[in-house]
N, C-alpha and C. Protein backbone atom coordinates (compact mmCIF):
# COMPACT_ATOMS: atom_id res chain seq x y z
N MET A 1 94.05 140.36 78.44
CA MET A 1 95.34 140.49 79.11
C MET A 1 95.23 140.20 80.61
N LEU A 2 94.12 140.66 81.19
CA LEU A 2 93.89 140.39 82.62
C LEU A 2 93.76 138.90 82.87
N LYS A 3 93.07 138.21 81.96
CA LYS A 3 92.91 136.76 82.10
C LYS A 3 94.26 136.06 82.04
N ALA A 4 95.12 136.48 81.13
CA ALA A 4 96.45 135.87 81.02
C ALA A 4 97.27 136.11 82.27
N GLU A 5 97.16 137.33 82.83
CA GLU A 5 97.90 137.67 84.04
C GLU A 5 97.42 136.84 85.22
N MET A 6 96.10 136.66 85.33
CA MET A 6 95.54 135.84 86.41
C MET A 6 95.98 134.39 86.26
N GLY A 7 96.04 133.91 85.01
CA GLY A 7 96.49 132.54 84.77
C GLY A 7 97.93 132.35 85.18
N ARG A 8 98.77 133.37 84.89
CA ARG A 8 100.18 133.28 85.27
C ARG A 8 100.34 133.25 86.78
N ILE A 9 99.57 134.11 87.48
CA ILE A 9 99.63 134.14 88.94
C ILE A 9 99.17 132.82 89.53
N ASP A 10 98.10 132.26 88.96
CA ASP A 10 97.58 130.99 89.45
C ASP A 10 98.61 129.88 89.25
N HIS A 11 99.29 129.90 88.10
CA HIS A 11 100.31 128.89 87.82
C HIS A 11 101.46 129.00 88.81
N GLU A 12 101.91 130.23 89.08
CA GLU A 12 103.00 130.43 90.02
C GLU A 12 102.59 130.03 91.44
N GLY A 13 101.34 130.32 91.80
CA GLY A 13 100.85 129.94 93.12
C GLY A 13 100.82 128.44 93.31
N LYS A 14 100.37 127.72 92.28
CA LYS A 14 100.34 126.25 92.35
C LYS A 14 101.75 125.69 92.47
N LYS A 15 102.68 126.30 91.73
CA LYS A 15 104.06 125.81 91.78
C LYS A 15 104.67 126.05 93.16
N MET A 16 104.38 127.20 93.76
CA MET A 16 104.86 127.47 95.10
C MET A 16 104.27 126.48 96.10
N GLY A 17 103.01 126.14 95.89
CA GLY A 17 102.34 125.19 96.78
C GLY A 17 102.99 123.82 96.75
N ILE A 18 103.31 123.32 95.55
CA ILE A 18 103.91 121.99 95.45
C ILE A 18 105.33 121.99 96.03
N TRP A 19 106.06 123.11 95.84
CA TRP A 19 107.41 123.17 96.40
C TRP A 19 107.38 123.21 97.93
N PHE A 20 106.37 123.90 98.47
CA PHE A 20 106.23 123.91 99.93
C PHE A 20 105.91 122.51 100.44
N PHE A 21 105.02 121.81 99.72
CA PHE A 21 104.68 120.43 100.11
C PHE A 21 105.92 119.53 100.04
N LEU A 22 106.69 119.65 98.98
CA LEU A 22 107.89 118.83 98.83
C LEU A 22 108.91 119.14 99.90
N PHE A 23 108.96 120.41 100.34
CA PHE A 23 109.88 120.78 101.42
C PHE A 23 109.51 120.04 102.70
N THR A 24 108.22 119.94 103.01
CA THR A 24 107.79 119.20 104.20
C THR A 24 108.12 117.72 104.05
N GLU A 25 108.03 117.20 102.84
CA GLU A 25 108.37 115.81 102.59
C GLU A 25 109.87 115.58 102.79
N ILE A 26 110.67 116.54 102.37
CA ILE A 26 112.12 116.44 102.56
C ILE A 26 112.47 116.38 104.04
N LEU A 27 111.79 117.20 104.83
CA LEU A 27 112.01 117.18 106.28
C LEU A 27 111.61 115.83 106.86
N PHE A 28 110.50 115.28 106.37
CA PHE A 28 110.00 114.00 106.87
C PHE A 28 110.98 112.86 106.57
N PHE A 29 111.36 112.74 105.30
CA PHE A 29 112.30 111.68 104.94
C PHE A 29 113.69 111.97 105.50
N GLY A 30 114.04 113.25 105.60
CA GLY A 30 115.35 113.59 106.15
C GLY A 30 115.51 113.10 107.58
N GLY A 31 114.43 113.17 108.36
CA GLY A 31 114.48 112.66 109.73
C GLY A 31 114.76 111.17 109.76
N MET A 32 114.14 110.42 108.84
CA MET A 32 114.38 108.98 108.79
C MET A 32 115.79 108.66 108.32
N PHE A 33 116.29 109.43 107.36
CA PHE A 33 117.67 109.21 106.91
C PHE A 33 118.66 109.50 108.04
N LEU A 34 118.37 110.51 108.83
CA LEU A 34 119.23 110.84 109.97
C LEU A 34 119.22 109.71 110.98
N LEU A 35 118.04 109.16 111.25
CA LEU A 35 117.93 108.04 112.18
C LEU A 35 118.71 106.83 111.67
N TYR A 36 118.59 106.58 110.37
CA TYR A 36 119.34 105.49 109.76
C TYR A 36 120.84 105.70 109.96
N ALA A 37 121.31 106.92 109.71
CA ALA A 37 122.75 107.21 109.82
C ALA A 37 123.25 106.98 111.24
N ILE A 38 122.46 107.37 112.23
CA ILE A 38 122.86 107.20 113.63
C ILE A 38 122.99 105.72 113.97
N PHE A 39 121.97 104.95 113.62
CA PHE A 39 121.99 103.52 113.95
C PHE A 39 123.05 102.77 113.13
N ARG A 40 123.25 103.18 111.91
CA ARG A 40 124.29 102.53 111.10
C ARG A 40 125.67 102.77 111.70
N TYR A 41 125.89 103.98 112.21
CA TYR A 41 127.18 104.30 112.84
C TYR A 41 127.39 103.43 114.09
N ARG A 42 126.32 103.23 114.86
CA ARG A 42 126.44 102.47 116.10
C ARG A 42 126.51 100.97 115.87
N TYR A 43 125.86 100.48 114.82
CA TYR A 43 125.80 99.04 114.58
C TYR A 43 126.23 98.74 113.13
N ALA A 44 127.41 99.20 112.78
CA ALA A 44 127.88 99.08 111.39
C ALA A 44 127.92 97.64 110.91
N ASP A 45 128.50 96.73 111.71
CA ASP A 45 128.62 95.33 111.29
C ASP A 45 127.25 94.67 111.13
N ASP A 46 126.34 94.95 112.06
CA ASP A 46 124.99 94.37 111.98
C ASP A 46 124.26 94.87 110.74
N PHE A 47 124.43 96.13 110.41
CA PHE A 47 123.77 96.69 109.22
C PHE A 47 124.33 96.04 107.96
N HIS A 48 125.61 95.77 107.94
CA HIS A 48 126.21 95.10 106.79
C HIS A 48 125.65 93.68 106.63
N ARG A 49 125.48 92.99 107.73
CA ARG A 49 124.90 91.63 107.67
C ARG A 49 123.46 91.70 107.18
N GLY A 50 122.72 92.70 107.65
CA GLY A 50 121.33 92.83 107.20
C GLY A 50 121.24 93.12 105.71
N ALA A 51 122.11 94.01 105.23
CA ALA A 51 122.09 94.37 103.81
C ALA A 51 122.51 93.20 102.93
N ALA A 52 123.33 92.30 103.47
CA ALA A 52 123.77 91.14 102.69
C ALA A 52 122.60 90.22 102.34
N GLY A 53 121.51 90.31 103.10
CA GLY A 53 120.34 89.48 102.83
C GLY A 53 119.37 90.10 101.85
N GLU A 54 119.65 91.31 101.38
CA GLU A 54 118.76 91.97 100.42
C GLU A 54 118.98 91.42 99.01
N ASP A 55 117.94 91.48 98.19
CA ASP A 55 118.02 91.01 96.81
C ASP A 55 118.49 92.16 95.93
N LEU A 56 119.78 92.18 95.63
CA LEU A 56 120.37 93.26 94.85
C LEU A 56 119.77 93.34 93.45
N PHE A 57 119.48 92.19 92.86
CA PHE A 57 118.93 92.18 91.49
C PHE A 57 117.58 92.89 91.45
N LEU A 58 116.67 92.51 92.36
CA LEU A 58 115.35 93.13 92.37
C LEU A 58 115.44 94.62 92.71
N GLY A 59 116.32 94.95 93.63
CA GLY A 59 116.51 96.36 93.97
C GLY A 59 117.00 97.17 92.79
N THR A 60 117.92 96.58 92.01
CA THR A 60 118.44 97.27 90.84
C THR A 60 117.38 97.40 89.76
N VAL A 61 116.61 96.34 89.54
CA VAL A 61 115.52 96.40 88.55
C VAL A 61 114.54 97.51 88.92
N ASN A 62 114.18 97.58 90.20
CA ASN A 62 113.25 98.62 90.64
C ASN A 62 113.83 100.03 90.44
N THR A 63 115.14 100.15 90.63
CA THR A 63 115.79 101.44 90.41
C THR A 63 115.69 101.85 88.94
N VAL A 64 115.96 100.92 88.05
CA VAL A 64 115.86 101.20 86.61
C VAL A 64 114.42 101.55 86.24
N ILE A 65 113.47 100.84 86.81
CA ILE A 65 112.05 101.11 86.52
C ILE A 65 111.67 102.52 86.92
N LEU A 66 112.05 102.93 88.14
CA LEU A 66 111.67 104.25 88.61
C LEU A 66 112.38 105.36 87.82
N LEU A 67 113.64 105.17 87.50
CA LEU A 67 114.35 106.17 86.72
C LEU A 67 113.71 106.32 85.33
N THR A 68 113.33 105.20 84.73
CA THR A 68 112.67 105.25 83.42
C THR A 68 111.30 105.92 83.52
N SER A 69 110.59 105.64 84.61
CA SER A 69 109.27 106.26 84.79
C SER A 69 109.39 107.77 84.98
N SER A 70 110.47 108.22 85.60
CA SER A 70 110.70 109.65 85.75
C SER A 70 110.92 110.29 84.38
N TYR A 71 111.59 109.57 83.51
CA TYR A 71 111.84 110.06 82.15
C TYR A 71 110.54 110.16 81.35
N THR A 72 109.71 109.11 81.43
CA THR A 72 108.44 109.14 80.69
C THR A 72 107.52 110.22 81.23
N MET A 73 107.60 110.49 82.55
CA MET A 73 106.77 111.55 83.12
C MET A 73 107.23 112.91 82.60
N ALA A 74 108.52 113.11 82.50
CA ALA A 74 109.05 114.37 81.96
C ALA A 74 108.65 114.53 80.49
N LEU A 75 108.70 113.44 79.74
CA LEU A 75 108.31 113.48 78.34
C LEU A 75 106.82 113.79 78.18
N SER A 76 106.01 113.28 79.10
CA SER A 76 104.56 113.53 79.01
C SER A 76 104.27 115.01 79.21
N LEU A 77 105.01 115.66 80.08
CA LEU A 77 104.83 117.09 80.30
C LEU A 77 105.28 117.87 79.06
N ALA A 78 106.41 117.48 78.48
CA ALA A 78 106.89 118.15 77.27
C ALA A 78 105.90 117.96 76.13
N ALA A 79 105.29 116.78 76.06
CA ALA A 79 104.33 116.51 74.99
C ALA A 79 103.08 117.37 75.11
N VAL A 80 102.56 117.50 76.32
CA VAL A 80 101.35 118.30 76.48
C VAL A 80 101.63 119.78 76.23
N ARG A 81 102.83 120.23 76.56
CA ARG A 81 103.22 121.62 76.27
C ARG A 81 103.27 121.86 74.77
N ALA A 82 103.60 120.80 74.02
CA ALA A 82 103.66 120.91 72.56
C ALA A 82 102.31 120.67 71.91
N GLY A 83 101.28 120.47 72.72
CA GLY A 83 99.94 120.25 72.18
C GLY A 83 99.67 118.81 71.78
N LYS A 84 100.55 117.88 72.17
CA LYS A 84 100.38 116.46 71.80
C LYS A 84 99.74 115.70 72.98
N ARG A 85 98.44 115.90 73.15
CA ARG A 85 97.75 115.32 74.31
C ARG A 85 97.71 113.79 74.26
N LEU A 86 97.54 113.22 73.08
CA LEU A 86 97.48 111.76 72.97
C LEU A 86 98.82 111.14 73.36
N LEU A 87 99.91 111.72 72.87
CA LEU A 87 101.24 111.21 73.25
C LEU A 87 101.46 111.37 74.74
N SER A 88 101.07 112.51 75.28
CA SER A 88 101.22 112.74 76.72
C SER A 88 100.43 111.70 77.51
N SER A 89 99.23 111.39 77.06
CA SER A 89 98.40 110.40 77.75
C SER A 89 99.06 109.04 77.76
N ARG A 90 99.63 108.67 76.65
CA ARG A 90 100.30 107.36 76.56
C ARG A 90 101.53 107.30 77.47
N LEU A 91 102.26 108.39 77.53
CA LEU A 91 103.44 108.44 78.40
C LEU A 91 103.04 108.41 79.88
N GLN A 92 101.94 109.07 80.21
CA GLN A 92 101.44 109.01 81.58
C GLN A 92 101.01 107.59 81.94
N ALA A 93 100.35 106.92 80.99
CA ALA A 93 99.93 105.53 81.22
C ALA A 93 101.14 104.63 81.43
N ALA A 94 102.20 104.87 80.64
CA ALA A 94 103.44 104.08 80.80
C ALA A 94 104.05 104.32 82.18
N THR A 95 103.99 105.56 82.65
CA THR A 95 104.52 105.88 83.98
C THR A 95 103.75 105.14 85.06
N ILE A 96 102.43 105.11 84.93
CA ILE A 96 101.61 104.39 85.91
C ILE A 96 101.95 102.92 85.92
N LEU A 97 102.10 102.32 84.74
CA LEU A 97 102.42 100.89 84.65
C LEU A 97 103.76 100.59 85.30
N MET A 98 104.73 101.46 85.11
CA MET A 98 106.04 101.25 85.73
C MET A 98 105.96 101.44 87.24
N GLY A 99 105.13 102.37 87.70
CA GLY A 99 104.93 102.53 89.14
C GLY A 99 104.32 101.28 89.75
N LEU A 100 103.34 100.71 89.06
CA LEU A 100 102.70 99.48 89.55
C LEU A 100 103.68 98.31 89.51
N ALA A 101 104.53 98.28 88.48
CA ALA A 101 105.55 97.22 88.40
C ALA A 101 106.51 97.34 89.58
N PHE A 102 106.89 98.55 89.92
CA PHE A 102 107.75 98.78 91.08
C PHE A 102 107.10 98.22 92.34
N LEU A 103 105.83 98.50 92.54
CA LEU A 103 105.12 98.02 93.73
C LEU A 103 105.00 96.51 93.73
N ALA A 104 104.80 95.91 92.55
CA ALA A 104 104.70 94.45 92.46
C ALA A 104 106.01 93.79 92.86
N ILE A 105 107.12 94.35 92.41
CA ILE A 105 108.43 93.80 92.79
C ILE A 105 108.68 93.99 94.28
N LYS A 106 108.28 95.14 94.79
CA LYS A 106 108.43 95.38 96.23
C LYS A 106 107.59 94.39 97.03
N TYR A 107 106.42 94.05 96.52
CA TYR A 107 105.57 93.04 97.17
C TYR A 107 106.28 91.69 97.20
N LEU A 108 106.93 91.33 96.10
CA LEU A 108 107.67 90.07 96.05
C LEU A 108 108.79 90.06 97.09
N GLU A 109 109.49 91.18 97.21
CA GLU A 109 110.56 91.28 98.20
C GLU A 109 110.02 91.12 99.62
N TRP A 110 108.99 91.86 99.92
CA TRP A 110 108.42 91.81 101.27
C TRP A 110 107.89 90.41 101.59
N SER A 111 107.15 89.83 100.65
CA SER A 111 106.57 88.51 100.91
C SER A 111 107.66 87.46 101.09
N GLY A 112 108.78 87.61 100.36
CA GLY A 112 109.90 86.69 100.52
C GLY A 112 110.50 86.78 101.91
N LYS A 113 110.66 88.00 102.42
CA LYS A 113 111.19 88.19 103.76
C LYS A 113 110.23 87.67 104.82
N ILE A 114 108.97 87.95 104.64
CA ILE A 114 107.96 87.48 105.60
C ILE A 114 107.91 85.97 105.64
N ALA A 115 108.07 85.33 104.47
CA ALA A 115 108.07 83.86 104.41
C ALA A 115 109.25 83.28 105.17
N ARG A 116 110.36 84.03 105.25
CA ARG A 116 111.53 83.59 106.00
C ARG A 116 111.45 83.99 107.46
N GLY A 117 110.35 84.63 107.84
CA GLY A 117 110.15 85.03 109.24
C GLY A 117 110.79 86.35 109.60
N LEU A 118 111.23 87.11 108.59
CA LEU A 118 111.88 88.39 108.86
C LEU A 118 110.87 89.53 108.73
N TYR A 119 110.13 89.73 109.78
CA TYR A 119 109.18 90.84 109.84
C TYR A 119 109.15 91.35 111.27
N PRO A 120 108.69 92.58 111.50
CA PRO A 120 108.76 93.18 112.84
C PRO A 120 108.17 92.31 113.94
N ASP A 121 108.96 92.15 115.02
CA ASP A 121 108.56 91.39 116.21
C ASP A 121 108.40 89.89 115.97
N SER A 122 108.89 89.38 114.84
CA SER A 122 108.81 87.95 114.59
C SER A 122 109.84 87.21 115.44
N PRO A 123 109.59 85.95 115.82
CA PRO A 123 110.56 85.19 116.62
C PRO A 123 111.92 85.08 115.93
N VAL A 124 111.90 84.90 114.59
CA VAL A 124 113.15 84.78 113.85
C VAL A 124 113.95 86.07 113.93
N LEU A 125 113.28 87.19 113.72
CA LEU A 125 113.97 88.48 113.73
C LEU A 125 114.51 88.83 115.11
N LEU A 126 113.74 88.51 116.14
CA LEU A 126 114.15 88.86 117.50
C LEU A 126 115.36 88.06 117.98
N LYS A 127 115.70 86.99 117.28
CA LYS A 127 116.89 86.22 117.62
C LYS A 127 118.16 86.83 117.04
N LEU A 128 118.00 87.76 116.11
CA LEU A 128 119.16 88.39 115.48
C LEU A 128 119.77 89.46 116.38
N ALA A 129 120.91 89.96 115.98
CA ALA A 129 121.56 91.03 116.74
C ALA A 129 120.72 92.30 116.71
N LYS A 130 120.93 93.14 117.70
CA LYS A 130 120.11 94.35 117.82
C LYS A 130 120.20 95.23 116.58
N GLY A 131 121.41 95.34 116.02
CA GLY A 131 121.58 96.17 114.83
C GLY A 131 120.82 95.63 113.64
N GLU A 132 120.77 94.31 113.49
CA GLU A 132 120.02 93.71 112.39
C GLU A 132 118.52 93.94 112.57
N ILE A 133 118.05 93.86 113.80
CA ILE A 133 116.64 94.14 114.08
C ILE A 133 116.30 95.58 113.67
N LEU A 134 117.20 96.50 114.02
CA LEU A 134 116.99 97.90 113.65
C LEU A 134 117.05 98.08 112.14
N PHE A 135 117.96 97.36 111.48
CA PHE A 135 118.08 97.46 110.03
C PHE A 135 116.78 97.07 109.36
N TYR A 136 116.23 95.91 109.74
CA TYR A 136 114.99 95.46 109.11
C TYR A 136 113.80 96.34 109.49
N GLY A 137 113.82 96.87 110.71
CA GLY A 137 112.76 97.79 111.10
C GLY A 137 112.77 99.03 110.23
N LEU A 138 113.95 99.60 110.01
CA LEU A 138 114.06 100.77 109.15
C LEU A 138 113.74 100.42 107.71
N TYR A 139 114.12 99.23 107.29
CA TYR A 139 113.82 98.79 105.92
C TYR A 139 112.32 98.79 105.67
N TYR A 140 111.57 98.18 106.58
CA TYR A 140 110.12 98.09 106.39
C TYR A 140 109.47 99.47 106.47
N VAL A 141 109.89 100.28 107.40
CA VAL A 141 109.28 101.62 107.57
C VAL A 141 109.60 102.51 106.37
N MET A 142 110.87 102.59 106.00
CA MET A 142 111.28 103.54 104.96
C MET A 142 110.83 103.10 103.57
N THR A 143 110.99 101.83 103.25
CA THR A 143 110.53 101.38 101.93
C THR A 143 109.00 101.31 101.89
N GLY A 144 108.38 101.05 103.04
CA GLY A 144 106.92 101.02 103.09
C GLY A 144 106.32 102.39 102.85
N ILE A 145 106.86 103.41 103.52
CA ILE A 145 106.37 104.77 103.33
C ILE A 145 106.66 105.24 101.90
N HIS A 146 107.82 104.88 101.38
CA HIS A 146 108.13 105.23 100.00
C HIS A 146 107.15 104.54 99.05
N GLY A 147 106.87 103.28 99.30
CA GLY A 147 105.91 102.56 98.46
C GLY A 147 104.53 103.21 98.48
N LEU A 148 104.13 103.70 99.65
CA LEU A 148 102.86 104.41 99.76
C LEU A 148 102.87 105.67 98.89
N HIS A 149 104.00 106.36 98.87
CA HIS A 149 104.12 107.55 98.03
C HIS A 149 104.04 107.17 96.54
N VAL A 150 104.63 106.04 96.18
CA VAL A 150 104.54 105.58 94.79
C VAL A 150 103.09 105.29 94.42
N PHE A 151 102.37 104.62 95.32
CA PHE A 151 100.96 104.30 95.07
C PHE A 151 100.13 105.57 94.90
N ILE A 152 100.33 106.52 95.81
CA ILE A 152 99.61 107.79 95.73
C ILE A 152 99.93 108.48 94.41
N GLY A 153 101.21 108.44 94.02
CA GLY A 153 101.61 109.05 92.76
C GLY A 153 100.90 108.42 91.57
N CYS A 154 100.77 107.09 91.58
CA CYS A 154 100.07 106.40 90.49
C CYS A 154 98.61 106.84 90.41
N VAL A 155 97.97 106.99 91.57
CA VAL A 155 96.57 107.43 91.60
C VAL A 155 96.44 108.84 91.04
N VAL A 156 97.34 109.73 91.46
CA VAL A 156 97.29 111.12 91.00
C VAL A 156 97.57 111.19 89.49
N ILE A 157 98.55 110.42 89.02
CA ILE A 157 98.85 110.43 87.58
C ILE A 157 97.67 109.89 86.79
N ALA A 158 96.95 108.90 87.34
CA ALA A 158 95.76 108.38 86.67
C ALA A 158 94.71 109.47 86.51
N PHE A 159 94.57 110.31 87.52
CA PHE A 159 93.64 111.44 87.44
C PHE A 159 94.13 112.44 86.40
N MET A 160 95.44 112.68 86.36
CA MET A 160 96.00 113.58 85.35
C MET A 160 95.79 113.01 83.95
N LEU A 161 95.91 111.71 83.82
CA LEU A 161 95.70 111.04 82.53
C LEU A 161 94.27 111.28 82.05
N PHE A 162 93.31 111.10 82.93
CA PHE A 162 91.91 111.34 82.59
C PHE A 162 91.70 112.81 82.19
N SER A 163 92.29 113.72 82.96
CA SER A 163 92.14 115.15 82.68
C SER A 163 92.77 115.52 81.35
N THR A 164 93.87 114.85 81.01
CA THR A 164 94.51 115.11 79.72
C THR A 164 93.66 114.61 78.57
N ARG A 165 93.09 113.43 78.74
CA ARG A 165 92.26 112.84 77.68
C ARG A 165 91.03 113.68 77.39
N VAL A 166 90.43 114.27 78.41
CA VAL A 166 89.21 115.06 78.20
C VAL A 166 89.51 116.53 77.89
N GLY A 167 90.79 116.90 77.87
CA GLY A 167 91.17 118.24 77.49
C GLY A 167 91.30 119.25 78.60
N ARG A 168 91.10 118.84 79.83
CA ARG A 168 91.26 119.78 80.94
C ARG A 168 92.72 120.17 81.13
N ILE A 169 93.61 119.25 80.79
CA ILE A 169 95.04 119.55 80.77
C ILE A 169 95.45 119.68 79.31
N ASN A 170 95.98 120.82 78.94
CA ASN A 170 96.38 121.08 77.57
C ASN A 170 97.59 122.01 77.56
N LYS A 171 97.98 122.47 76.38
CA LYS A 171 99.20 123.28 76.29
C LYS A 171 99.05 124.65 76.93
N GLU A 172 97.83 125.08 77.19
CA GLU A 172 97.62 126.34 77.90
C GLU A 172 97.43 126.15 79.39
N ASN A 173 97.04 124.96 79.79
CA ASN A 173 96.73 124.69 81.20
C ASN A 173 97.33 123.34 81.60
N TYR A 174 98.56 123.36 82.05
CA TYR A 174 99.25 122.12 82.37
C TYR A 174 99.90 122.15 83.75
N SER A 175 99.56 123.13 84.57
CA SER A 175 100.25 123.28 85.86
C SER A 175 100.03 122.07 86.77
N ARG A 176 98.84 121.47 86.73
CA ARG A 176 98.60 120.30 87.58
C ARG A 176 99.48 119.13 87.17
N LEU A 177 99.64 118.94 85.88
CA LEU A 177 100.52 117.87 85.41
C LEU A 177 101.97 118.18 85.77
N GLU A 178 102.37 119.43 85.67
CA GLU A 178 103.73 119.82 86.02
C GLU A 178 104.00 119.56 87.50
N ASN A 179 103.05 119.89 88.35
CA ASN A 179 103.22 119.65 89.79
C ASN A 179 103.25 118.15 90.09
N THR A 180 102.43 117.39 89.37
CA THR A 180 102.44 115.93 89.55
C THR A 180 103.79 115.36 89.14
N ALA A 181 104.36 115.89 88.06
CA ALA A 181 105.69 115.43 87.62
C ALA A 181 106.75 115.75 88.66
N LEU A 182 106.66 116.93 89.29
CA LEU A 182 107.61 117.28 90.34
C LEU A 182 107.51 116.30 91.51
N TYR A 183 106.29 115.95 91.89
CA TYR A 183 106.09 114.98 92.98
C TYR A 183 106.71 113.64 92.60
N TRP A 184 106.47 113.20 91.37
CA TRP A 184 106.99 111.90 90.93
C TRP A 184 108.51 111.90 90.90
N HIS A 185 109.10 112.99 90.46
CA HIS A 185 110.57 113.08 90.45
C HIS A 185 111.10 113.02 91.89
N PHE A 186 110.39 113.65 92.82
CA PHE A 186 110.81 113.61 94.22
C PHE A 186 110.79 112.18 94.74
N VAL A 187 109.73 111.45 94.42
CA VAL A 187 109.63 110.05 94.85
C VAL A 187 110.79 109.24 94.30
N ASP A 188 111.16 109.50 93.06
CA ASP A 188 112.28 108.80 92.44
C ASP A 188 113.60 109.14 93.13
N VAL A 189 113.78 110.41 93.46
CA VAL A 189 115.01 110.84 94.14
C VAL A 189 115.14 110.16 95.51
N VAL A 190 114.03 110.04 96.23
CA VAL A 190 114.07 109.36 97.53
C VAL A 190 114.55 107.93 97.36
N TRP A 191 114.05 107.25 96.32
CA TRP A 191 114.47 105.87 96.10
C TRP A 191 115.96 105.79 95.75
N ILE A 192 116.47 106.78 95.02
CA ILE A 192 117.89 106.77 94.68
C ILE A 192 118.75 106.78 95.94
N TYR A 193 118.24 107.38 97.02
CA TYR A 193 118.96 107.37 98.30
C TYR A 193 118.70 106.07 99.06
N LEU A 194 117.49 105.54 98.96
CA LEU A 194 117.17 104.30 99.68
C LEU A 194 117.93 103.10 99.09
N TYR A 195 118.08 103.10 97.79
CA TYR A 195 118.71 101.97 97.10
C TYR A 195 120.10 101.65 97.65
N PRO A 196 121.03 102.60 97.71
CA PRO A 196 122.35 102.24 98.26
C PRO A 196 122.32 101.94 99.76
N LEU A 197 121.42 102.57 100.50
CA LEU A 197 121.39 102.34 101.94
C LEU A 197 121.01 100.90 102.29
N PHE A 198 120.12 100.31 101.50
CA PHE A 198 119.63 98.97 101.84
C PHE A 198 120.15 97.86 100.92
N TYR A 199 120.62 98.21 99.73
CA TYR A 199 121.04 97.16 98.79
C TYR A 199 122.53 97.15 98.49
N LEU A 200 123.22 98.26 98.67
CA LEU A 200 124.63 98.33 98.33
C LEU A 200 125.54 98.38 99.55
N LEU A 201 124.96 98.23 100.73
CA LEU A 201 125.74 98.26 101.98
C LEU A 201 126.31 96.89 102.25
N THR A 202 127.32 96.50 101.48
CA THR A 202 127.91 95.17 101.64
C THR A 202 129.43 95.30 101.80
């Protein structure tokens, strides 16, 4: 009974830890969203022109990919709780593949812009209006930091996948996978806010 009680306390402690971490992340991204809102208010027309150059199709595909990956991550947690470690492993692998697909599409977007000379401090970008320069600056910073979070998430899920396969994560001990799922859902929620700010502002 003492062992079960200690396990429950440890599980609750880990959950509190991840929520505290996510709270700091909310403050971090919240600051960037606030900065975006201020500049968008001051340079509304320039921001609209900048958003008109975004690839709506690729942005939408990436949105669908991340939302689906959030679903597979939730299913992987439900599977391991039910004692289905093999199914959970496969769902985690699917989540990683979708995360990598998201990054690959983002790479295509970035490389396309760079090929057109639209990158920070480029001669082409500096000829644009001040608001457009700010728009692209925020685009690179905010989507870049988000992409880094996606990459980190893929690495962590890969570790969870290994732990699930060897039995370290199971129906009695799944708190690490649960916390990883919470992080991944947070990353997806951030993108849901980024998507309309940069792709639907037309």
